Amino acid sequence: MPELAEVEYYRRVWDVGLGAKVTRVHLHGEKRIFRGTDLSLFKLLAGQKLVSSEAAGKQMLFRFSNDLWLGIHLGMTGKLSVAEPNRAPAKHDHLVLFQKLRALVFNDPRQFGRALIHQGKEAPSWWSEIGPAVTSRQFTAATMRQFLVRHGRLPIKGVLLLQKAFPGIGNWMADEILWRAQIAPKRAAKDLTEGEVSTLWKEVRFVARVALQKIGPDFGDPPKGWLFHERWSSKGVCPKHKSLLRRETVAGRTTTWCPKCQK
């Protein structure tokens, strides 16, 4: 499933169309990515201007003139891309928004994604009800601690995957967070100490921030797992603490360091 940074990446892909009008709309309306939506609203996008976009958790929202809101969830295989304006939609191009200079394409071979649409002055509930970003001020240590208590019987990794409190966190990010916090994934959330909860909150925010930073203003391929880690280094002991060093690879550069010196 896509995670926070992949979603932000694909949101920016469509930003090339900001300020331009949609000349026509192509969709495979019978496909399951449109389940539960009013297909007639998609046709209203023709003639409307793409005004803004934003990402939250694993979803994207594209706002158009005439109070139209388009929501995209990539699912497992969904991708957003930009093509030539005369492109003939391919088999899995389930939604294509044609503009004068380009075509904005939503392609999803396995159809686990979603395309939602809403018309109204206010953002739709499926967007406004997404929890605060883990990088925001609203995501406090106290709020996270309360959520862990409410789901205390679950393994901590399972809790991190609950989008209501950790929007955008997926499998590899949860692994990275727990590794950095030195917390076993199968431990029950209720068994964490106050110190571990505090460390966990810091690592959730750190991993999310670094993942987003790695996209940068000039992004290339979709980001995946820049923080790939290798547990403990088989060589090297901290001369001060006499403990094994940790080794991790960040954006292709490997560093070895002592976790006690970092505290």
Protein backbone atom coordinates (compact mmCIF):
# COMPACT_ATOMS: atom_id res chain seq x y z
CA MET A 1 0.00 0.00 0.00
CA PRO A 2 1.24 3.55 -0.63
CA GLU A 3 2.51 5.49 2.34
CA LEU A 4 2.75 9.11 3.28
CA ALA A 5 5.66 10.06 1.01
CA GLU A 6 4.47 8.13 -2.05
CA VAL A 7 1.10 9.86 -1.80
CA GLU A 8 2.75 13.27 -1.57
CA TYR A 9 4.91 12.40 -4.56
CA TYR A 10 1.97 11.51 -6.78
CA ARG A 11 0.01 14.56 -5.64
CA ARG A 12 2.82 16.76 -6.93
CA VAL A 13 2.80 14.91 -10.26
CA TRP A 14 -0.66 16.31 -11.05
CA ASP A 15 0.26 19.80 -9.81
CA VAL A 16 1.59 20.56 -13.29
CA GLY A 17 -2.07 20.99 -14.24
CA LEU A 18 -2.86 23.66 -11.63
CA GLY A 19 -4.60 26.69 -13.09
CA ALA A 20 -5.63 24.90 -16.30
CA LYS A 21 -9.14 23.86 -17.30
CA VAL A 22 -10.27 20.31 -17.93
CA THR A 23 -11.44 20.07 -21.53
CA ARG A 24 -12.94 16.57 -21.31
CA VAL A 25 -13.16 13.60 -18.95
CA HIS A 26 -12.62 9.91 -19.69
CA LEU A 27 -13.54 7.22 -17.16
CA HIS A 28 -14.24 3.52 -16.97
CA GLY A 29 -17.32 4.05 -14.85
CA GLU A 30 -18.02 0.34 -14.36
CA LYS A 31 -14.74 -0.27 -12.55
CA ARG A 32 -14.70 -0.80 -8.79
CA ILE A 33 -12.52 2.23 -8.10
CA PHE A 34 -15.71 4.29 -8.59
CA ARG A 35 -17.75 2.23 -6.11
CA GLY A 36 -20.16 4.34 -4.09
CA THR A 37 -19.68 7.47 -6.18
CA ASP A 38 -22.04 9.54 -8.31
CA LEU A 39 -20.58 9.13 -11.79
CA SER A 40 -22.55 12.09 -13.14
CA LEU A 41 -20.45 14.44 -11.00
CA PHE A 42 -17.27 13.40 -12.82
CA LYS A 43 -18.69 14.77 -16.05
CA LEU A 44 -19.06 18.17 -14.35
CA LEU A 45 -15.26 18.41 -14.18
CA ALA A 46 -15.21 19.26 -17.90
CA GLY A 47 -14.78 23.01 -18.22
CA GLN A 48 -13.56 23.44 -14.63
CA LYS A 49 -10.15 24.66 -13.50
CA LEU A 50 -7.83 22.68 -11.20
CA VAL A 51 -7.47 25.11 -8.28
CA SER A 52 -5.42 23.33 -5.61
CA SER A 53 -4.27 19.98 -4.24
CA GLU A 54 -3.22 18.50 -0.93
CA ALA A 55 -2.39 15.15 0.62
CA ALA A 56 -3.42 13.73 3.98
CA GLY A 57 -2.44 10.27 5.12
CA LYS A 58 -2.94 7.92 2.20
CA GLN A 59 -5.37 10.15 0.32
CA MET A 60 -5.14 13.08 -2.08
CA LEU A 61 -7.64 15.86 -2.67
CA PHE A 62 -7.83 17.92 -5.85
CA ARG A 63 -10.08 20.95 -5.74
CA PHE A 64 -11.70 22.30 -8.90
CA SER A 65 -13.74 25.39 -9.63
CA ASN A 66 -17.52 25.13 -9.27
CA ASP A 67 -17.03 23.60 -5.79
CA LEU A 68 -15.92 20.20 -7.10
CA TRP A 69 -13.65 18.01 -4.96
CA LEU A 70 -11.87 14.95 -6.38
CA GLY A 71 -10.41 12.43 -3.94
CA ILE A 72 -7.86 9.80 -4.96
CA HIS A 73 -6.67 6.79 -2.97
CA LEU A 74 -3.99 4.82 -4.81
CA GLY A 75 -4.68 1.42 -3.28
CA MET A 76 -1.96 -1.15 -4.02
CA THR A 77 -1.17 -0.44 -7.68
CA GLY A 78 -2.60 3.00 -8.40
CA LYS A 79 -0.44 5.73 -9.96
CA LEU A 80 -0.94 9.28 -11.12
CA SER A 81 0.91 10.40 -14.23
CA VAL A 82 0.92 13.10 -16.89
CA ALA A 83 0.64 12.27 -20.60
CA GLU A 84 0.35 14.03 -23.91
CA PRO A 85 -3.05 15.69 -24.49
CA ASN A 86 -3.80 13.40 -27.45
CA ARG A 87 -3.10 10.19 -25.49
CA ALA A 88 -5.52 7.35 -26.11
CA PRO A 89 -6.53 5.99 -22.65
CA ALA A 90 -5.00 2.58 -21.94
CA LYS A 91 -6.81 -0.42 -20.49
CA HIS A 92 -6.15 0.52 -16.88
CA ASP A 93 -6.39 4.31 -17.27
CA HIS A 94 -9.66 4.42 -15.36
CA LEU A 95 -9.78 8.21 -15.00
CA VAL A 96 -8.20 10.70 -17.40
CA LEU A 97 -8.67 14.47 -17.15
CA PHE A 98 -7.69 16.06 -20.44
CA GLN A 99 -6.34 19.62 -20.48
CA LYS A 100 -5.16 21.68 -23.43
CA LEU A 101 -1.48 20.88 -22.88
CA ARG A 102 -1.63 17.53 -21.07
CA ALA A 103 -3.66 14.62 -19.75
CA LEU A 104 -3.83 13.82 -16.02
CA VAL A 105 -4.06 10.02 -15.70
CA PHE A 106 -5.12 7.76 -12.82
CA ASN A 107 -4.03 4.21 -13.67
CA ASP A 108 -4.84 1.26 -11.38
CA PRO A 109 -4.46 -2.30 -12.75
CA ARG A 110 -5.77 -4.12 -9.66
CA GLN A 111 -8.48 -1.58 -8.82
CA PHE A 112 -7.90 -1.44 -5.07
CA GLY A 113 -7.76 2.35 -5.28
CA ARG A 114 -10.66 4.80 -5.09
CA ALA A 115 -11.83 7.83 -7.02
CA LEU A 116 -14.29 9.90 -5.02
CA ILE A 117 -16.06 13.10 -6.01
CA HIS A 118 -18.09 15.68 -4.13
CA GLN A 119 -19.71 19.01 -4.92
CA GLY A 120 -20.23 21.57 -2.19
CA LYS A 121 -18.82 24.64 -0.46
CA GLU A 122 -17.11 22.59 2.26
CA ALA A 123 -14.70 19.68 1.96
CA PRO A 124 -16.41 16.25 2.01
CA SER A 125 -16.54 14.24 5.23
CA TRP A 126 -14.29 11.51 3.80
CA TRP A 127 -11.60 14.17 3.74
CA SER A 128 -12.30 16.36 6.77
CA GLU A 129 -12.48 13.34 9.11
CA ILE A 130 -8.88 12.24 8.41
CA GLY A 131 -6.78 12.55 11.57
CA PRO A 132 -4.14 15.29 11.94
CA ALA A 133 -0.83 14.70 10.17
CA VAL A 134 1.84 13.10 12.37
CA THR A 135 4.11 16.04 11.50
CA SER A 136 1.56 18.63 12.68
CA ARG A 137 1.28 20.39 16.04
CA GLN A 138 -2.04 18.66 16.63
CA PHE A 139 -0.27 15.29 16.78
CA THR A 140 0.91 15.57 20.38
CA ALA A 141 2.57 13.01 22.61
CA ALA A 142 -0.45 13.14 24.94
CA THR A 143 -2.89 12.43 22.11
CA MET A 144 -0.80 9.53 20.88
CA ARG A 145 -0.50 8.13 24.42
CA GLN A 146 -4.30 8.17 24.82
CA PHE A 147 -4.72 6.32 21.53
CA LEU A 148 -2.24 3.65 22.62
CA VAL A 149 -4.18 3.16 25.84
CA ARG A 150 -7.48 2.73 23.95
CA HIS A 151 -5.88 0.07 21.76
CA GLY A 152 -3.64 -1.38 24.45
CA ARG A 153 -4.21 -5.04 23.63
CA LEU A 154 -3.03 -4.70 20.05
CA PRO A 155 0.60 -5.25 19.02
CA ILE A 156 2.29 -1.88 18.75
CA LYS A 157 2.99 -2.31 15.05
CA GLY A 158 -0.71 -2.95 14.45
CA VAL A 159 -1.55 0.26 16.30
CA LEU A 160 0.87 2.26 14.15
CA LEU A 161 -0.97 1.04 11.05
CA LEU A 162 -4.32 2.42 12.26
CA GLN A 163 -4.94 5.36 9.96
CA LYS A 164 -7.28 7.16 12.35
CA ALA A 165 -4.33 8.20 14.51
CA PHE A 166 -1.33 7.60 12.23
CA PRO A 167 -2.48 8.72 8.75
CA GLY A 168 0.00 7.79 6.06
CA ILE A 169 2.02 5.33 8.16
CA GLY A 170 2.36 1.97 6.44
CA ASN A 171 4.41 -1.19 6.74
CA TRP A 172 7.95 0.01 6.02
CA MET A 173 7.51 3.24 7.99
CA ALA A 174 6.15 1.36 11.00
CA ASP A 175 9.14 -1.01 10.87
CA GLU A 176 11.54 1.93 10.66
CA ILE A 177 9.88 3.75 13.55
CA LEU A 178 9.96 0.73 15.85
CA TRP A 179 13.54 -0.14 14.94
CA ARG A 180 14.70 3.36 15.74
CA ALA A 181 12.72 3.34 19.00
CA GLN A 182 14.09 -0.14 19.87
CA ILE A 183 10.59 -1.52 20.47
CA ALA A 184 9.63 -5.03 19.37
CA PRO A 185 6.71 -4.96 16.89
CA LYS A 186 4.70 -7.66 18.70
CA ARG A 187 4.71 -5.99 22.11
CA ALA A 188 1.27 -4.96 23.33
CA ALA A 189 0.75 -1.20 23.21
CA LYS A 190 -0.32 -1.19 26.88
CA ASP A 191 3.05 -2.59 27.95
CA LEU A 192 5.10 0.38 26.74
CA THR A 193 6.73 2.50 29.41
CA GLU A 194 6.35 6.28 29.54
CA GLY A 195 9.88 6.61 28.23
CA GLU A 196 9.18 4.28 25.32
CA VAL A 197 6.00 6.14 24.42
CA SER A 198 7.90 9.43 24.40
CA THR A 199 10.62 7.94 22.19
CA LEU A 200 8.01 6.40 19.89
CA TRP A 201 6.30 9.79 19.38
CA LYS A 202 9.62 11.41 18.45
CA GLU A 203 10.50 8.65 15.99
CA VAL A 204 7.07 8.73 14.32
CA ARG A 205 7.56 12.43 13.60
CA PHE A 206 11.21 12.02 12.59
CA VAL A 207 10.63 9.23 10.08
CA ALA A 208 7.65 11.06 8.56
CA ARG A 209 9.60 14.32 8.22
CA VAL A 210 12.63 12.66 6.62
CA ALA A 211 10.46 10.70 4.21
CA LEU A 212 8.79 13.91 3.03
CA GLN A 213 12.09 15.80 2.83
CA LYS A 214 13.57 13.17 0.53
CA ILE A 215 11.03 14.03 -2.17
CA GLY A 216 12.51 17.53 -2.47
CA PRO A 217 11.59 20.13 -5.07
CA ASP A 218 13.14 18.12 -7.93
CA PHE A 219 11.87 14.59 -7.50
CA GLY A 220 12.45 11.66 -9.81
CA ASP A 221 11.21 8.13 -9.21
CA PRO A 222 8.53 7.48 -6.55
CA PRO A 223 10.18 7.22 -3.11
CA LYS A 224 10.43 3.89 -1.35
CA GLY A 225 12.24 3.08 1.87
CA TRP A 226 15.10 5.60 1.98
CA LEU A 227 15.58 4.71 5.63
CA PHE A 228 16.32 1.04 4.98
CA HIS A 229 18.14 -0.28 8.03
CA GLU A 230 20.26 -3.26 9.03
CA ARG A 231 19.52 -3.87 12.72
CA TRP A 232 22.92 -3.87 14.40
CA SER A 233 26.40 -3.55 12.95
CA SER A 234 28.42 -6.77 13.20
CA LYS A 235 31.56 -4.73 13.67
CA GLY A 236 32.40 -1.80 15.89
CA VAL A 237 31.95 -0.95 19.55
CA CYS A 238 31.47 2.52 21.01
CA PRO A 239 34.70 3.38 22.88
CA LYS A 240 32.74 5.38 25.45
CA HIS A 241 29.81 3.05 26.20
CA LYS A 242 31.36 -0.29 25.11
CA SER A 243 28.13 -1.12 23.26
CA LEU A 244 27.51 -2.34 19.73
CA LEU A 245 27.15 0.36 17.13
CA ARG A 246 24.09 0.69 14.92
CA ARG A 247 24.38 0.86 11.17
CA GLU A 248 21.78 2.32 8.87
CA THR A 249 21.51 3.49 5.30
CA VAL A 250 19.80 6.81 4.64
CA ALA A 251 19.32 7.86 1.02
CA GLY A 252 22.08 5.51 -0.07
CA ARG A 253 24.66 6.65 2.50
CA THR A 254 25.60 4.24 5.29
CA THR A 255 26.51 5.53 8.72
CA THR A 256 27.49 3.76 11.94
CA TRP A 257 26.67 5.30 15.27
CA CYS A 258 26.08 4.64 18.96
CA PRO A 259 22.46 4.99 20.11
CA LYS A 260 23.56 5.97 23.62
CA CYS A 261 25.67 8.84 22.30
CA GLN A 262 22.63 10.08 20.37
CA LYS A 263 20.53 10.45 23.52
